[in-house]
Protein backbone atom coordinates (compact mmCIF):
# COMPACT_ATOMS: atom_id res chain seq x y z
CA MET A 1 0.03 -0.04 0.04
CA ASP A 2 2.81 2.34 0.65
CA CYS A 3 4.11 1.90 -2.96
CA TRP A 4 0.48 2.44 -4.14
CA ARG A 5 0.43 5.78 -2.47
CA GLN A 6 3.39 6.97 -4.71
CA TRP A 7 1.75 5.34 -7.82
CA ILE A 8 -1.59 6.90 -7.56
CA ARG A 9 -0.25 10.32 -7.36
CA HIS A 10 0.46 10.04 -11.18
CA ARG A 11 -2.87 11.53 -12.27
CA MET A 12 -2.83 10.19 -15.81
CA ALA A 13 -4.84 6.86 -15.64
CA ASN A 14 -8.18 5.38 -14.91
CA VAL A 15 -8.07 3.45 -11.63
CA ASN A 16 -10.26 1.14 -9.85
CA GLU A 17 -8.65 -0.21 -6.67
CA TYR A 18 -9.79 -3.03 -4.35
CA SER A 19 -11.78 -1.46 -1.51
CA THR A 20 -11.51 -2.58 1.88
CA ARG A 21 -14.57 -0.85 2.65
CA TYR A 22 -16.51 -3.38 0.92
CA SER A 23 -14.19 -6.34 1.00
CA VAL A 24 -11.91 -8.06 3.37
CA ALA A 25 -8.30 -6.88 3.14
CA ILE A 26 -5.89 -9.09 1.23
CA ASP A 27 -4.20 -11.36 3.74
CA SER A 28 -0.71 -10.74 2.49
CA ALA A 29 1.98 -8.19 3.18
CA GLN A 30 5.24 -7.18 1.94
CA THR A 31 8.05 -8.59 4.00
CA THR A 32 11.84 -7.59 4.27
CA GLU A 33 14.67 -10.03 4.25
CA THR A 34 17.37 -9.65 6.87
CA THR A 35 19.82 -8.09 4.56
CA GLU A 36 17.48 -5.83 2.75
CA TRP A 37 16.97 -3.12 5.48
CA ARG A 38 18.30 0.16 4.22
CA ALA A 39 19.77 3.02 6.20
CA GLN A 40 18.48 6.68 5.67
CA SER A 41 20.66 8.42 2.97
CA ASP A 42 22.87 11.36 4.12
CA ALA A 43 22.49 13.17 0.80
CA ASN A 44 18.76 12.60 0.25
CA ARG A 45 16.05 13.00 2.92
CA GLN A 46 13.74 10.94 0.85
CA GLY A 47 16.06 8.22 -0.07
CA SER A 48 17.96 5.26 1.05
CA GLY A 49 21.64 4.67 1.78
CA THR A 50 23.71 1.41 2.64
CA PHE A 51 22.16 -1.69 3.85
CA LEU A 52 22.16 -2.43 7.68
CA ASP A 53 24.13 -5.41 8.84
CA ALA A 54 22.39 -8.88 8.84
CA SER A 55 22.23 -9.28 12.60
CA THR A 56 20.35 -5.91 13.12
CA GLY A 57 18.19 -6.95 10.16
CA ALA A 58 17.44 -10.19 11.80
CA VAL A 59 15.86 -8.28 14.73
CA LEU A 60 13.96 -5.89 12.47
CA SER A 61 12.66 -8.67 10.36
CA GLN A 62 11.19 -10.48 13.46
CA ASP A 63 9.71 -7.31 14.68
CA GLU A 64 7.97 -6.91 11.33
CA ARG A 65 6.59 -10.48 11.41
CA ASN A 66 5.29 -9.96 14.83
CA LEU A 67 3.64 -6.72 13.79
CA HIS A 68 2.00 -8.16 10.87
CA GLU A 69 0.87 -10.88 12.82
CA LEU A 70 -0.74 -8.62 15.64
CA THR A 71 -2.38 -6.32 13.13
CA ARG A 72 -4.07 -9.16 11.27
CA GLN A 73 -5.25 -10.76 14.43
CA VAL A 74 -6.55 -7.41 15.63
CA TYR A 75 -8.27 -6.67 12.31
CA GLU A 76 -9.99 -10.19 12.13
CA ARG A 77 -11.08 -9.96 15.74
CA ARG A 78 -12.91 -6.63 14.84
CA LEU A 79 -14.58 -8.27 11.94
CA ALA A 80 -15.69 -11.17 13.97
CA ALA A 81 -17.15 -8.86 16.48
CA GLY A 82 -19.30 -7.35 13.82
CA VAL A 83 -17.22 -3.93 13.39
CA ALA A 84 -17.80 -2.27 10.08
CA ARG A 85 -15.04 -3.14 7.57
CA GLU A 86 -14.39 0.54 6.88
CA GLN A 87 -13.45 1.04 10.50
CA ALA A 88 -11.94 -2.37 11.13
CA ARG A 89 -9.33 -1.67 8.48
CA LYS A 90 -7.87 1.49 10.08
CA ASP A 91 -4.85 -0.14 11.85
CA LEU A 92 -3.58 -2.27 9.03
CA THR A 93 0.04 -1.87 8.07
CA LEU A 94 1.10 -0.07 4.97
CA SER A 95 2.89 -3.19 3.91
CA THR A 96 -0.46 -4.85 3.43
CA TYR A 97 -0.91 -5.63 -0.37
CA THR A 98 -3.57 -3.82 -2.45
CA GLU A 99 -4.92 -4.55 -5.88
CA ALA A 100 -6.11 -2.41 -8.79
CA TYR A 101 -7.06 -2.16 -12.32
CA TRP A 102 -4.92 0.59 -14.02
CA LYS A 103 -5.85 1.81 -17.40
CA ILE A 104 -3.25 4.12 -19.10
CA ASP A 105 -2.08 5.24 -22.56
CA LEU A 106 1.22 4.47 -23.84
CA HIS A 107 2.61 8.08 -23.73
CA ASN A 108 1.69 8.54 -19.95
CA LEU A 109 2.90 5.00 -19.28
CA LEU A 110 6.41 5.79 -20.56
CA HIS A 111 6.50 8.99 -18.47
CA PHE A 112 5.52 7.06 -15.33
CA LEU A 113 8.40 4.57 -16.10
CA SER A 114 11.05 7.21 -16.73
CA LEU A 115 10.25 8.54 -13.32
CA ARG A 116 9.75 5.32 -11.33
CA MET A 117 12.58 3.24 -13.07
CA ASP A 118 14.97 6.17 -12.14
CA PRO A 119 17.73 5.25 -9.65
CA HIS A 120 16.45 8.02 -7.33
CA ALA A 121 12.83 6.32 -7.08
CA GLN A 122 12.18 4.27 -3.93
CA HIS A 123 13.52 0.80 -4.44
CA GLU A 124 10.19 -1.06 -4.03
CA ILE A 125 8.25 0.91 -6.64
CA ARG A 126 11.37 0.84 -8.95
CA GLN A 127 11.02 -2.98 -8.85
CA TYR A 128 7.24 -2.78 -9.94
CA ALA A 129 8.04 -0.31 -12.65
CA THR A 130 10.94 -2.39 -14.07
CA ILE A 131 8.86 -5.45 -14.38
CA ILE A 132 6.26 -3.50 -16.30
CA GLY A 133 8.77 -1.96 -18.53
CA GLU A 134 11.14 -4.72 -19.23
CA ASN A 135 8.57 -7.70 -19.06
CA ILE A 136 5.52 -6.10 -20.58
CA VAL A 137 6.10 -2.79 -22.53
CA LYS A 138 9.35 -4.09 -24.24
CA ARG A 139 7.58 -7.30 -25.44
CA TRP A 140 4.42 -5.53 -26.35
CA CYS A 141 5.99 -2.40 -28.17
CA PRO A 142 9.48 -3.47 -29.06
CA VAL A 143 10.32 -0.28 -31.31
CA VAL A 144 8.84 2.17 -28.88
CA TRP A 145 10.70 0.56 -26.01
CA GLU A 146 14.04 0.84 -27.98
CA ALA A 147 13.53 4.43 -28.73
CA PHE A 148 12.44 4.93 -25.02
CA ALA A 149 15.56 3.25 -23.66
CA ASP A 150 17.88 5.36 -25.97
CA PHE A 151 16.22 8.61 -25.58
CA ARG A 152 15.00 8.58 -22.01
CA LEU A 153 16.47 5.72 -19.90
CA ALA A 154 20.11 5.90 -21.20
CA SER A 155 20.15 9.73 -21.83
CA LEU A 156 21.57 12.37 -19.44
CA SER A 157 19.80 15.46 -18.29
CA LEU A 158 22.29 18.33 -17.72
CA SER A 159 21.58 21.57 -15.88
CA ARG A 160 22.94 24.82 -16.93
CA ILE A 161 25.99 24.58 -14.66
CA ASP A 162 26.54 20.94 -15.71
CA VAL A 163 26.73 21.96 -19.33
CA GLU A 164 29.19 24.74 -18.62
CA ILE A 165 31.44 22.42 -16.48
CA VAL A 166 31.43 19.61 -19.05
CA GLY A 167 32.14 22.09 -21.80
CA LEU A 168 35.18 23.40 -19.78
CA LEU A 169 36.41 19.74 -19.12
CA THR A 170 36.15 18.72 -22.72
CA ALA A 171 38.16 21.90 -23.77
CA GLY A 172 40.87 21.04 -21.25
CA ARG A 173 40.11 24.05 -18.93
CA MET A 174 40.28 22.37 -15.59
CA GLU A 175 40.68 25.45 -13.33
CA ASP A 176 38.00 27.15 -15.03
CA ALA A 177 35.68 24.19 -14.42
CA ILE A 178 36.73 24.15 -10.71
CA ALA A 179 36.06 27.90 -10.49
CA VAL A 180 32.51 27.56 -11.96
CA ALA A 181 31.87 24.56 -9.53
CA ARG A 182 33.03 26.73 -6.54
CA GLN A 183 30.97 29.70 -7.65
CA ALA A 184 27.81 27.38 -7.89
CA GLY A 185 28.61 26.30 -4.41
CA MET A 186 29.39 22.69 -5.23
CA ILE A 187 32.81 23.01 -3.75
CA GLY A 188 34.58 25.19 -1.18
CA GLU A 189 37.88 27.08 -1.25
CA ALA A 190 41.05 25.40 -2.15
CA GLY A 191 42.45 23.31 0.72
CA VAL A 192 39.03 22.73 2.37
CA PRO A 193 37.92 19.06 2.33
CA LEU A 194 34.84 18.25 0.24
CA GLY A 195 31.62 18.23 2.07
CA ARG A 196 28.35 16.69 1.09
CA ASN A 197 26.74 18.38 -1.91
CA ARG A 198 23.92 16.64 -3.75
CA GLU A 199 24.35 18.51 -6.98
CA ARG A 200 28.08 17.90 -7.10
CA GLU A 201 27.59 14.33 -6.41
CA GLU A 202 24.99 13.97 -9.04
CA LEU A 203 27.23 15.73 -11.35
CA GLU A 204 30.16 13.32 -10.69
CA VAL A 205 27.96 10.44 -11.63
CA LYS A 206 27.17 12.07 -14.97
CA LEU A 207 30.91 12.98 -15.54
CA ALA A 208 31.81 9.11 -14.89
CA GLN A 209 29.08 8.18 -17.39
CA LEU A 210 30.73 10.55 -19.98
CA HIS A 211 34.27 9.19 -18.95
CA LEU A 212 35.28 12.51 -17.66
CA ARG A 213 36.89 12.97 -14.20
CA ALA A 214 35.72 15.58 -11.87
CA PRO A 215 38.83 17.83 -11.57
CA TRP A 216 38.27 18.76 -7.95
CA THR A 217 38.53 15.10 -6.70
CA VAL A 218 42.25 15.24 -7.73
CA THR A 219 43.00 19.09 -7.23
CA LEU A 220 41.23 19.42 -3.82
CA GLN A 221 42.04 16.03 -2.23
CA ALA A 222 45.69 15.63 -3.33
């Protein structure tokens, strides 16, 4: 259900979701393996970072199982006592599975996939989007998928500052590229260790894809 909350935000489809006001909630929930618990990202308040160690994960996974069992038991006791389904459901976990019919045109579907297959999307919804893209759309519309992969998935989006720095680097003007990055607030003054900066870190990933080295990683850390 937590993935569906993100999914339904894309207001470009006709949707009919399974309703727990009228029907008993699906008796299945998403679980997390002991090695799949992710730490909060230091650079992105919305994202995940590295994986937690398996011993910590084992405790968290057991807590998860206990919580799922308890909430389901409470839910079913309410139903058995005659509580209305619309009220009995209120404490179900967000990991409870839901079901929906989702009707969307190809243009909007590709826009959805470009956002939800992106590495910055939450891992769980990215898994759904990847299956839709690679197992359905790719087989259903192979020519469209090839163009989509070439011009959207495998392309790069550069900001004005990115374009300026890339142009300077390809021209061999390393110091000028550093000056632009410094003026944009991506790096500090000479001799100051590099701090966390999301824009700079994203640019470094793009530079690596272009087989270019960020000059500040050599000049400032030498």
